Structure formats: structure tokens, C-alpha cells
Protein backbone atom coordinates (compact mmCIF):
# COMPACT_ATOMS: atom_id res chain seq x y z
CA MET A 1 21.66 -28.74 -22.80
CA CYS A 2 19.47 -31.71 -21.54
CA SER A 3 22.05 -33.89 -23.19
CA ARG A 4 25.15 -32.38 -21.66
CA LEU A 5 23.20 -33.20 -17.93
CA LEU A 6 23.24 -36.96 -18.68
CA CYS A 7 26.55 -37.13 -20.51
CA LYS A 8 28.28 -35.39 -17.99
CA ASN A 9 27.21 -38.20 -15.37
CA LEU A 10 27.60 -40.96 -17.39
CA THR A 11 30.95 -42.08 -16.86
CA SER A 12 29.76 -42.25 -13.24
CA LEU A 13 26.86 -44.54 -14.14
CA ARG A 14 29.14 -46.57 -15.94
CA ARG A 15 31.42 -47.46 -13.23
CA THR A 16 28.40 -48.19 -10.74
CA LEU A 17 26.51 -50.56 -13.09
CA VAL A 18 29.80 -52.81 -13.75
CA ARG A 19 29.37 -54.25 -10.32
CA HIS A 20 26.12 -55.77 -11.51
CA THR A 21 26.10 -58.91 -13.82
CA ASN A 22 22.58 -58.75 -15.60
CA MET A 23 21.11 -56.65 -18.64
CA GLU A 24 19.85 -53.53 -16.32
CA PRO A 25 23.23 -51.93 -16.77
CA ILE A 26 23.65 -52.08 -20.47
CA LEU A 27 19.85 -51.19 -20.71
CA LEU A 28 20.27 -48.03 -18.62
CA ILE A 29 23.80 -46.83 -20.70
CA THR A 30 21.90 -47.85 -23.83
CA ALA A 31 18.98 -45.48 -22.89
CA GLY A 32 21.20 -42.45 -21.75
CA VAL A 33 23.36 -42.87 -25.10
CA PHE A 34 20.24 -42.81 -27.32
CA PHE A 35 18.69 -39.76 -25.37
CA ALA A 36 22.00 -37.72 -25.87
CA GLY A 37 22.03 -38.35 -29.64
CA TYR A 38 18.57 -37.77 -29.92
CA ALA A 39 18.67 -34.68 -27.76
CA VAL A 40 21.59 -33.35 -30.09
CA LEU A 41 19.58 -33.85 -33.10
CA ILE A 42 16.30 -32.20 -31.75
CA ILE A 43 17.99 -29.27 -30.44
CA TYR A 44 19.94 -28.90 -33.83
CA TYR A 45 16.55 -29.36 -35.97
CA ARG A 46 15.46 -26.48 -33.44
CA HIS A 47 18.11 -24.44 -34.91
CA CYS A 48 17.75 -25.12 -38.47
CA TRP A 49 13.96 -24.31 -38.18
CA ILE A 50 14.82 -20.69 -36.83
CA GLN A 51 17.01 -20.06 -39.60
CA ILE A 52 14.92 -20.85 -42.71
CA PRO A 53 13.61 -17.59 -43.77
CA THR A 54 9.81 -16.67 -43.75
CA PHE A 55 8.36 -16.22 -47.34
CA ARG A 56 6.58 -12.75 -47.30
CA GLU A 57 4.99 -10.06 -49.54
CA ALA A 58 7.71 -7.89 -48.69
CA SER A 59 10.71 -10.65 -48.93
CA ARG A 60 9.61 -11.42 -52.66
CA LYS A 61 12.44 -10.37 -54.81
CA HIS A 62 11.11 -10.72 -58.17
CA VAL A 63 7.75 -11.71 -58.39
CA SER A 64 4.58 -10.04 -56.84
CA SER A 65 1.05 -11.62 -56.98
CA ASN A 66 -0.16 -9.26 -59.50
CA ASN A 67 2.20 -10.42 -62.11
CA LEU A 68 2.10 -14.38 -61.73
CA SER A 69 2.37 -16.16 -64.93
CA THR A 70 2.87 -19.93 -64.06
CA LYS A 71 0.10 -22.48 -65.09
CA ILE A 72 -0.76 -24.85 -62.33
CA THR A 73 -2.50 -28.18 -62.13
CA ILE A 74 -3.78 -29.33 -58.51
CA VAL A 75 -4.10 -32.83 -58.78
CA ILE A 76 -6.39 -34.75 -55.97
CA PRO A 77 -6.75 -38.14 -55.61
CA ALA A 78 -10.21 -39.02 -53.91
CA ARG A 79 -11.89 -42.30 -52.51
CA ASN A 80 -14.74 -42.12 -50.98
CA GLU A 81 -14.69 -38.43 -49.94
CA GLU A 82 -17.99 -37.34 -50.11
CA HIS A 83 -17.63 -35.34 -46.97
CA HIS A 84 -14.74 -33.34 -47.60
CA ILE A 85 -14.04 -32.80 -51.29
CA GLY A 86 -16.88 -30.16 -51.82
CA ASN A 87 -15.18 -27.90 -48.90
CA CYS A 88 -11.64 -28.59 -50.38
CA LEU A 89 -13.04 -27.28 -54.09
CA GLN A 90 -14.47 -24.63 -52.34
CA SER A 91 -11.39 -23.07 -50.60
CA ILE A 92 -9.35 -23.46 -53.98
CA LEU A 93 -11.90 -21.88 -56.13
CA ASN A 94 -12.00 -19.07 -53.35
CA GLN A 95 -8.14 -18.52 -53.69
CA THR A 96 -7.06 -14.82 -54.62
CA HIS A 97 -4.95 -16.38 -57.40
CA SER A 98 -6.35 -16.05 -60.66
CA MET A 99 -8.40 -19.15 -61.79
CA GLY A 100 -7.22 -18.54 -65.52
CA LEU A 101 -4.12 -20.29 -65.00
CA VAL A 102 -5.40 -23.11 -62.58
CA GLU A 103 -6.81 -26.51 -63.38
CA ILE A 104 -7.97 -28.90 -60.80
CA ILE A 105 -8.01 -32.36 -61.27
CA VAL A 106 -9.83 -34.83 -58.89
CA VAL A 107 -8.69 -38.58 -59.64
CA ASP A 108 -12.05 -40.43 -58.35
CA ASP A 109 -10.11 -43.71 -57.26
CA HIS A 110 -13.08 -45.98 -57.46
CA SER A 111 -15.51 -44.35 -54.71
CA THR A 112 -18.43 -45.97 -53.55
CA ASP A 113 -20.25 -42.76 -52.90
CA ARG A 114 -20.89 -39.64 -54.54
CA THR A 115 -17.66 -38.39 -54.66
CA ALA A 116 -17.69 -37.74 -58.45
CA ALA A 117 -21.13 -36.36 -58.35
CA ILE A 118 -19.84 -33.64 -55.94
CA VAL A 119 -17.28 -32.75 -58.16
CA GLN A 120 -18.86 -32.89 -61.33
CA SER A 121 -21.74 -30.16 -59.86
CA PHE A 122 -19.28 -27.61 -59.46
CA ASN A 123 -19.75 -27.73 -63.22
CA GLN A 124 -16.53 -25.23 -63.63
CA GLY A 125 -14.72 -25.27 -66.54
CA ASN A 126 -11.32 -25.79 -65.07
CA ILE A 127 -12.41 -28.61 -62.46
CA HIS A 128 -12.18 -32.08 -64.45
CA CYS A 129 -13.27 -35.68 -62.64
CA ILE A 130 -11.15 -38.55 -64.12
CA ALA A 131 -12.31 -42.08 -63.28
CA LEU A 132 -9.07 -43.96 -62.26
CA LYS A 133 -11.34 -47.42 -62.89
CA ASP A 134 -11.36 -46.16 -66.70
CA HIS A 135 -7.40 -46.34 -67.01
CA VAL A 136 -6.78 -49.14 -64.56
CA ASN A 137 -7.53 -52.52 -64.81
CA GLU A 138 -5.34 -54.63 -62.77
CA LYS A 139 -5.52 -54.52 -58.78
CA LEU A 140 -2.56 -52.18 -57.73
CA ASN A 141 -0.58 -51.80 -54.44
CA ALA A 142 -0.22 -48.01 -55.03
CA TYR A 143 -3.28 -46.69 -56.45
CA LYS A 144 -2.79 -42.97 -55.30
CA LYS A 145 0.71 -42.78 -57.25
CA LYS A 146 -1.16 -44.09 -60.52
CA ALA A 147 -3.67 -41.57 -59.89
CA ILE A 148 -1.10 -38.59 -59.77
CA GLU A 149 0.38 -39.88 -62.66
CA ILE A 150 -2.45 -40.07 -64.82
CA ALA A 151 -3.73 -36.56 -63.69
CA ILE A 152 -0.14 -35.10 -64.69
CA SER A 153 -0.76 -36.86 -68.18
CA GLN A 154 -3.17 -34.99 -68.81
CA SER A 155 -2.66 -31.71 -67.27
CA ARG A 156 -1.64 -28.55 -69.13
CA GLY A 157 -0.02 -26.88 -66.23
CA ASP A 158 4.05 -26.30 -65.88
CA LEU A 159 3.55 -26.77 -61.80
CA ILE A 160 1.93 -29.27 -60.33
CA ILE A 161 0.47 -29.11 -57.06
CA THR A 162 -0.72 -32.09 -55.24
CA THR A 163 -3.06 -31.84 -52.07
CA ASP A 164 -5.82 -34.29 -50.44
CA ALA A 165 -9.62 -34.34 -50.69
CA ASP A 166 -9.74 -33.22 -46.87
CA CYS A 167 -7.74 -30.36 -46.71
CA THR A 168 -8.51 -27.06 -47.02
CA MET A 169 -6.42 -23.91 -47.70
CA GLU A 170 -6.32 -20.00 -46.65
CA LYS A 171 -7.10 -17.48 -49.76
CA ASN A 172 -3.60 -16.86 -50.56
CA TRP A 173 -2.04 -20.44 -50.62
CA LEU A 174 -2.29 -20.44 -54.18
CA SER A 175 -0.49 -17.16 -54.67
CA THR A 176 2.24 -17.50 -52.16
CA ILE A 177 3.33 -21.04 -53.69
CA ALA A 178 3.53 -19.46 -57.51
CA ALA A 179 5.21 -16.44 -56.19
CA PHE A 180 7.50 -18.82 -54.35
CA TYR A 181 8.03 -20.74 -57.39
CA GLU A 182 8.55 -17.67 -59.85
CA ASN A 183 11.25 -16.28 -57.31
CA TYR A 184 13.26 -18.93 -56.69
CA GLN A 185 12.68 -21.50 -59.67
CA PRO A 186 12.55 -25.15 -57.27
CA ALA A 187 11.79 -27.97 -59.11
CA PHE A 188 9.96 -29.28 -55.86
CA ILE A 189 8.65 -27.56 -52.98
CA ALA A 190 7.68 -29.12 -49.43
CA ALA A 191 5.23 -26.72 -47.88
CA PRO A 192 3.55 -26.99 -44.53
CA VAL A 193 0.61 -29.15 -43.43
CA ALA A 194 -1.31 -28.54 -40.25
CA ILE A 195 -4.15 -31.06 -38.55
CA ASP A 196 -6.89 -29.76 -36.76
CA GLY A 197 -8.48 -31.31 -33.78
CA SER A 198 -10.51 -30.49 -30.52
CA SER A 199 -11.17 -33.75 -28.99
CA PHE A 200 -7.64 -35.74 -27.04
CA LEU A 201 -6.94 -37.76 -29.80
CA GLY A 202 -7.36 -34.81 -32.36
CA ILE A 203 -4.79 -32.59 -30.24
CA PHE A 204 -2.43 -35.64 -30.13
CA GLN A 205 -2.16 -35.61 -33.68
CA SER A 206 -1.96 -31.94 -34.26
CA LEU A 207 1.10 -31.84 -31.62
CA ASP A 208 2.41 -35.01 -33.19
CA PHE A 209 2.30 -33.62 -37.10
CA MET A 210 3.26 -30.24 -35.82
CA THR A 211 6.87 -32.08 -34.84
CA LEU A 212 6.99 -33.65 -38.05
CA GLN A 213 6.42 -30.39 -40.28
CA GLY A 214 9.08 -28.84 -37.98
CA ILE A 215 11.77 -31.54 -38.64
CA THR A 216 10.52 -31.78 -42.40
CA GLY A 217 11.30 -27.58 -42.39
CA ALA A 218 14.99 -28.02 -40.68
CA ALA A 219 15.55 -31.22 -42.61
CA VAL A 220 14.79 -29.44 -46.00
CA TYR A 221 16.25 -26.46 -45.53
CA LYS A 222 19.48 -27.36 -44.35
CA LYS A 223 19.46 -30.64 -46.69
CA ILE A 224 19.98 -32.71 -43.66
CA HIS A 225 17.30 -35.35 -45.52
CA SER A 226 14.17 -35.77 -47.64
CA MET A 227 10.96 -35.11 -45.66
CA CYS A 228 7.74 -33.71 -46.79
CA ASN A 229 3.64 -34.41 -47.00
CA GLY A 230 1.65 -35.38 -49.76
CA ALA A 231 -1.20 -33.00 -48.95
CA ASN A 232 1.28 -29.65 -49.73
CA LEU A 233 3.19 -30.29 -52.47
CA ALA A 234 4.39 -28.41 -55.42
CA TYR A 235 6.97 -29.93 -58.34
CA GLU A 236 7.95 -28.96 -62.05
CA LYS A 237 5.93 -31.37 -64.40
CA LYS A 238 9.05 -31.67 -66.40
CA ALA A 239 10.80 -32.49 -63.52
CA PHE A 240 8.48 -35.15 -62.73
CA TYR A 241 9.11 -36.99 -66.48
CA GLU A 242 12.88 -36.13 -66.08
CA VAL A 243 13.10 -38.50 -63.21
CA ASN A 244 10.41 -40.76 -64.53
CA GLY A 245 8.06 -40.12 -62.10
CA PHE A 246 6.98 -42.84 -59.74
CA THR A 247 8.96 -45.52 -62.22
CA GLY A 248 11.05 -47.89 -59.60
CA ILE A 249 8.86 -46.93 -56.53
CA ASP A 250 5.51 -47.57 -58.33
CA HIS A 251 4.89 -51.04 -56.36
CA ILE A 252 5.08 -49.09 -52.66
CA ALA A 253 1.85 -48.58 -51.73
CA SER A 254 3.08 -45.45 -49.98
CA GLY A 255 5.47 -42.81 -51.01
CA ASP A 256 4.01 -40.55 -53.67
CA ASP A 257 5.63 -37.77 -51.28
CA MET A 258 8.96 -38.38 -49.67
CA LEU A 259 10.23 -41.13 -52.48
CA LEU A 260 9.11 -39.08 -55.34
CA MET A 261 10.65 -35.83 -53.63
CA HIS A 262 14.11 -37.78 -53.31
CA LYS A 263 14.33 -39.21 -56.79
CA ILE A 264 14.00 -35.07 -57.69
CA TYR A 265 16.30 -34.12 -55.19
CA THR A 266 18.99 -36.55 -56.50
CA ARG A 267 19.23 -34.97 -60.00
CA TYR A 268 18.54 -31.21 -58.45
CA PRO A 269 19.91 -31.14 -54.76
CA ASP A 270 20.13 -27.40 -54.94
CA ARG A 271 16.48 -26.91 -56.17
CA VAL A 272 14.40 -28.56 -53.70
CA LEU A 273 13.10 -25.78 -51.08
CA PHE A 274 10.65 -25.70 -48.13
CA LEU A 275 8.05 -23.02 -48.40
CA LYS A 276 8.08 -21.22 -44.88
CA SER A 277 4.74 -19.12 -45.11
CA PRO A 278 1.88 -19.04 -42.91
CA GLU A 279 -0.35 -18.09 -45.93
CA SER A 280 0.97 -21.45 -47.58
CA ILE A 281 -0.16 -23.98 -44.95
CA VAL A 282 -3.25 -26.47 -45.77
CA THR A 283 -4.89 -27.83 -42.81
CA THR A 284 -6.31 -31.38 -42.79
CA GLU A 285 -8.55 -33.17 -40.55
CA ALA A 286 -7.40 -35.54 -37.75
CA MET A 287 -8.07 -39.25 -37.70
CA SER A 288 -11.62 -39.77 -36.60
CA SER A 289 -10.33 -42.79 -34.40
CA TRP A 290 -7.37 -44.63 -32.97
CA LYS A 291 -7.70 -47.15 -35.53
CA ASP A 292 -7.86 -44.87 -38.42
CA PHE A 293 -4.86 -43.22 -36.54
CA PHE A 294 -2.49 -46.32 -36.54
CA ASN A 295 -3.18 -47.37 -39.90
CA GLN A 296 -2.28 -43.78 -41.17
CA ARG A 297 1.21 -44.08 -39.70
CA ILE A 298 1.55 -47.48 -40.14
CA ARG A 299 1.02 -46.83 -43.79
CA TRP A 300 3.76 -43.90 -43.34
CA ALA A 301 6.29 -45.95 -41.71
CA SER A 302 6.01 -49.30 -44.12
CA LYS A 303 8.07 -46.99 -46.62
CA ALA A 304 11.05 -46.37 -44.43
CA ASP A 305 12.70 -49.63 -45.37
CA THR A 306 12.45 -48.48 -49.03
CA TYR A 307 14.05 -45.05 -48.84
CA ASP A 308 17.23 -44.22 -51.43
CA ASP A 309 18.02 -40.89 -49.42
CA LYS A 310 20.00 -43.40 -46.61
CA ARG A 311 20.62 -40.08 -44.87
CA ILE A 312 16.99 -40.41 -42.71
CA ILE A 313 17.90 -44.14 -42.12
CA SER A 314 20.39 -43.18 -38.90
CA VAL A 315 17.27 -40.55 -37.71
CA LEU A 316 14.65 -43.26 -38.26
CA ILE A 317 16.79 -45.88 -35.98
CA LEU A 318 17.65 -43.39 -33.28
CA VAL A 319 14.57 -42.34 -33.01
CA TYR A 320 12.82 -45.64 -33.05
CA PHE A 321 15.17 -47.27 -30.56
CA PHE A 322 15.29 -44.32 -27.83
CA ASN A 323 11.34 -44.60 -27.87
CA LEU A 324 11.84 -48.60 -27.63
CA LEU A 325 14.07 -47.99 -24.60
CA LEU A 326 11.84 -45.81 -23.26
CA LEU A 327 8.94 -48.20 -23.38
CA LEU A 328 11.29 -51.52 -21.97
CA LEU A 329 12.69 -49.40 -19.20
CA PRO A 330 9.14 -49.22 -17.32
CA ILE A 331 9.02 -52.89 -18.03
CA THR A 332 12.03 -53.92 -16.86
CA ALA A 333 11.28 -51.53 -13.46
CA ILE A 334 8.48 -54.20 -12.63
CA PHE A 335 10.77 -57.01 -12.34
CA SER A 336 13.60 -55.36 -10.71
CA SER A 337 14.22 -53.26 -7.57
CA ALA A 338 17.63 -52.52 -8.22
CA THR A 339 19.04 -48.71 -7.47
CA PHE A 340 21.71 -47.42 -9.92
CA GLU A 341 24.19 -44.35 -8.72
CA ILE A 342 24.69 -41.19 -11.29
CA GLY A 343 27.29 -39.12 -9.19
CA ARG A 344 26.20 -39.31 -5.85
CA VAL A 345 22.59 -39.81 -6.37
CA SER A 346 20.97 -43.18 -6.40
CA PHE A 347 18.04 -44.33 -8.90
CA THR A 348 16.01 -47.08 -9.45
CA ILE A 349 15.16 -48.20 -12.96
CA PHE A 350 11.64 -46.71 -12.85
CA GLN A 351 13.05 -43.22 -11.49
CA TYR A 352 15.85 -43.05 -14.60
CA TRP A 353 12.94 -43.85 -16.89
CA LEU A 354 11.23 -40.96 -15.31
CA LEU A 355 14.35 -38.84 -15.43
CA LEU A 356 14.80 -39.40 -19.42
CA LEU A 357 10.76 -38.98 -19.93
CA VAL A 358 11.27 -35.56 -18.44
CA LEU A 359 14.62 -34.70 -20.21
CA LYS A 360 12.81 -35.92 -23.43
CA THR A 361 9.83 -33.91 -22.94
CA VAL A 362 11.23 -30.72 -22.02
CA THR A 363 13.86 -31.13 -25.15
CA GLU A 364 10.70 -31.50 -27.43
CA LEU A 365 8.89 -28.58 -25.89
CA PHE A 366 11.96 -26.40 -26.67
CA PHE A 367 12.05 -27.71 -30.22
CA LEU A 368 8.48 -27.38 -30.53
CA PHE A 369 7.54 -23.61 -29.42
CA PRO A 370 8.82 -22.05 -32.64
CA VAL A 371 7.20 -23.98 -34.33
CA ALA A 372 3.86 -23.81 -32.44
CA ALA A 373 4.23 -20.20 -32.86
CA PHE A 374 4.58 -20.29 -36.66
CA PHE A 375 1.34 -22.45 -36.84
CA ASN A 376 -0.47 -20.60 -34.19
CA LYS A 377 -0.93 -23.45 -31.89
CA LYS A 378 1.14 -22.41 -28.57
CA THR A 379 -1.88 -23.05 -26.32
CA LYS A 380 -1.98 -26.58 -27.53
CA LEU A 381 1.63 -27.20 -26.08
CA TRP A 382 -0.13 -27.54 -22.54
CA TRP A 383 -1.02 -31.31 -23.55
CA PHE A 384 2.35 -32.24 -25.02
CA PRO A 385 3.43 -33.64 -21.63
CA ALA A 386 0.19 -35.93 -21.23
CA ALA A 387 1.07 -36.74 -25.13
CA GLN A 388 4.14 -38.18 -24.47
CA PRO A 389 3.33 -41.85 -23.24
CA PHE A 390 0.81 -42.27 -26.31
CA HIS A 391 3.55 -40.74 -28.46
CA ILE A 392 6.31 -43.39 -27.12
CA LEU A 393 3.53 -46.35 -27.96
CA TYR A 394 2.19 -45.54 -31.07
CA THR A 395 5.91 -44.93 -32.45
CA VAL A 396 6.96 -48.10 -31.53
CA ILE A 397 4.05 -50.16 -32.58
CA ALA A 398 3.32 -47.96 -35.95
CA GLY A 399 7.27 -48.83 -36.66
CA TRP A 400 7.16 -52.32 -36.45
CA LEU A 401 3.90 -53.30 -37.84
CA GLY A 402 4.96 -50.86 -40.90
CA LYS A 403 7.86 -53.18 -41.43
CA PHE A 404 6.26 -56.79 -40.51
CA GLY A 405 2.63 -55.98 -40.68
CA SER A 406 -0.20 -54.99 -42.89
CA TYR A 407 -2.77 -52.14 -42.73
CA HIS A 408 -6.04 -51.30 -44.18
CA TRP A 409 -6.34 -47.92 -46.06
CA LYS A 410 -9.14 -46.31 -47.57
CA ASP A 411 -11.55 -50.11 -47.15
CA ARG A 412 -8.25 -51.81 -49.10
CA SER A 413 -5.39 -54.32 -46.99
CA VAL A 414 -2.13 -53.35 -47.73
CA LYS A 415 0.91 -54.91 -47.08
């Protein structure tokens, strides 16, 4: 709908702009075209998200939570997580799912704090702590992948679930994943993740991450492209070994989630599913500072050019360059007072930028409303317009540095 409003007048705009001899007309036309494509994509994602059936107790076809039998191994890589690992483990132990079917493997990644001691203090027979330093002597670029790989090699479960040390789960998290697996037999399950935060930075991350999760669900359900988050994944151990685990991607610092997902998707395209259930949501903490936030997003962006899933490349290009144009337009407006006509209405470059910004915000809110309802975060949408300029800026910066820069993560410098 928003895209039609702009596209309808694009021909009129083009006729007006040909009278100018500088680069401004090209910039405005390009921005309009990119917005049209972006709006169509976002509206399509909304349509796909709404189509995903919600997995609930009443909809389980064959297996109820009373007769689940799959053996599960939960893998938690942890580095200097003494403030989080205890809460994470306790939320897992509080699950309604039978702990007799579950083992938890925490891989201590060279922590210099009390992470390992806290894990060991639980003194539970099904909680194991592995020291990564006992298995790795050389310097790596992907410690997390190695941690997961070692944990899986020592696991007894048939279904591997990965999460992060700073995550907590509702009590039916495990039983929901297990029931979904036993009902549909997927080789790979992408499940929802939410970020909590009360400061502006926390709310900004919550909104941004919720957008990514909505796109994830839509993309996986319709098999548009591969997306997931390592804080809430499940996959068959045999599928992991059938695709040779992280072989071929083990030199990339990030990508223990999406890159592995695509390897499994390539082998089992019909057995990669998204679990849409409020009971399966994992909650993680927001980054505490803008510096940590940028390092996290640069780390995510750093794997973009390593995707074997070429379907996502066009999406990333569209999103990145549309945001880049939205950053360039107000800068151009500072140096130009030229006016342009769309239909019978005259615009300055700055006014045109404001129009695109409003249309972008309205389109994204249209997409986000059903997603926010699922995550029970509709009240946070009031903050969305204020977060828009920050989102544009971080997308451009993180995308650039992810390709050409380096970042620090867990006290390590990574290229």
C-alpha cells in the first residue's frame, strides 16, 4: 500500500528530475525505487508471519507432553558468564519436562571468573562442565563453534538444543520443543528469542530483535531464506554429523547458527522448520552499552558475505542500501535547496527524506503489530518511531564494519 503511493508518482518525479543536471535526481529516484522494493518485501514478510500456525497443546497431532521420549542434550557455550549462568541453569532445571531425558553440557570457554565453579556447584548428575582449554591448544577464530562441536561429540542426546548462558526460559520450553520435534520430525528447528530491556537502549534492542525474529519466522516458514538465532535452536545430532558439522565454516568467527542451518537445509529442505509458540520463547538480556551492542551486531554482520544461501544476499543488499540512501538524503539536503515535484506537490530533498522516513516507519509498524502481539510487546511499539533514526545509523555502520572492520567480543579481538 505504501509502496503504491510512491510508485504511482515515480514517473512524474522522473520527468521533473530530468531538468536537473546534478546527482540529486538520481539519488531521489533510487531511494524511491529501493523503498518500493523494501515495502513490498516487509509486507510479504507480514503475510507469511500471519500464516505460520501457532503450535499449542491442542494442535499437537500425535504426541502429548506426557509421553515424550526423545533424549535431549542442551549445549551452553559460556565465557565469563558468572552473573548469568546460574539463572540459566536454574530455569532449565525448573522445566516441566522430565529431566531424566535431558543432559546439560556447559562448555567453559577459557573463563577468568567463577563460571565453571558456579556450574559445578549445582552438583546435578545431568549437568556437565567441559573446559575448552583441555581440548584446544591453538588460537582459533571460532571458539564457540569448537565448544559446540566438542559438546556434541560427548553428548548422549539425539536432539541437540543450543542456547546462551545469559538466557532464561519459561517452564514449558523443553516440552514444547520436544513435542514439536516428535510431531513433525524436523532435522532443524529455529525457535523464537526475545530481548528484555527497560532503558532506551534496551527497548531499542527489543524492537530491533523482534523485527529480526518476525522476519526469521516468515523466512523459514515460506523457505525464502535461512535465518535463526543460536540462543534457541534444536537439531538432530545425526543431521549435524551428516553435514559434517562446522567443517567448511569453522574458520568464520560467527555463524554457528545460520551457516549450520543452511548446511542442514541443503540436505533436508523440507525438514527445517520454525517453532511458533509463546511457550518456546527464550529471553536474553540486552547489551548494556552502545559499544557492546555495536560489537554484537558487527559480529552478526561479519558473516554476511560467507552465506552459501544466496537467497538472503539480495535481501541484505536491498535493506543495506535503502538505509544507506536514507542516511545520505539528509546530508545531501544540507548542501542543496533544490525542489522537485511529485505530481503537483513540490518537495525539497529534506521533505522527500521525511516522507520516506514516515512511509518506512508505517510499513514496519504494519509488519510488527502481529509479531509484537505474539511476543506480548505491543506497548513497546510506541517507542518505534523514536528508534527509527538510530536503526538506520546502526544498520549502515554495522554493515560496513562487519565487512571491512574488526570487533571485540568476549575480550577477544576478531576480524
